[in-house]
C-alpha cells in the first residue's frame, strides 16, 4: 500500500473519532522534514510521520521529530491506523484522559477523564 493511502486512512479514522487533523504538504515554501500530519488532541499537539511498514524516516525527518519532542509536542512515526490511534491514546493517557477505543462501554468520539 502506498504511503498516501495509509495517510488517507489515518486521517479518516482520526477525524471519525473527533481528532483535528491537517495534512502537511511539502513544497518550496514549506520547511523540509516536517511530519506528514498535525493533530490536535484535546489542545495538545501530536505530529505523525507516516511511513509504509518496514520503512524508516529520513535523518531530516528524525531530526525534525526530535525537535518537536524537545519543544514539548508529541511526535511519532506510524505505519497504520492502529499505530496512529495508539499515539492518540498515549497523548491522552499521559494527560490523565482515556479514549473509548480501549473502553468499549463508552461512545465513539468521546474523550473522558480517567477515573481515580
Foldseek 3Di string as FASTA:
>chain_A
DDQVVQVVVLVVVVVQLVKDKDADDDDPVDDPQFAGMWIAQVNATEGEHEDAPPDDRDPSVVVNCVVCVVVPHHYDYDHHNVRSVVSSQVVQVVVQKGACVVPVVDDGNDIGGHDD
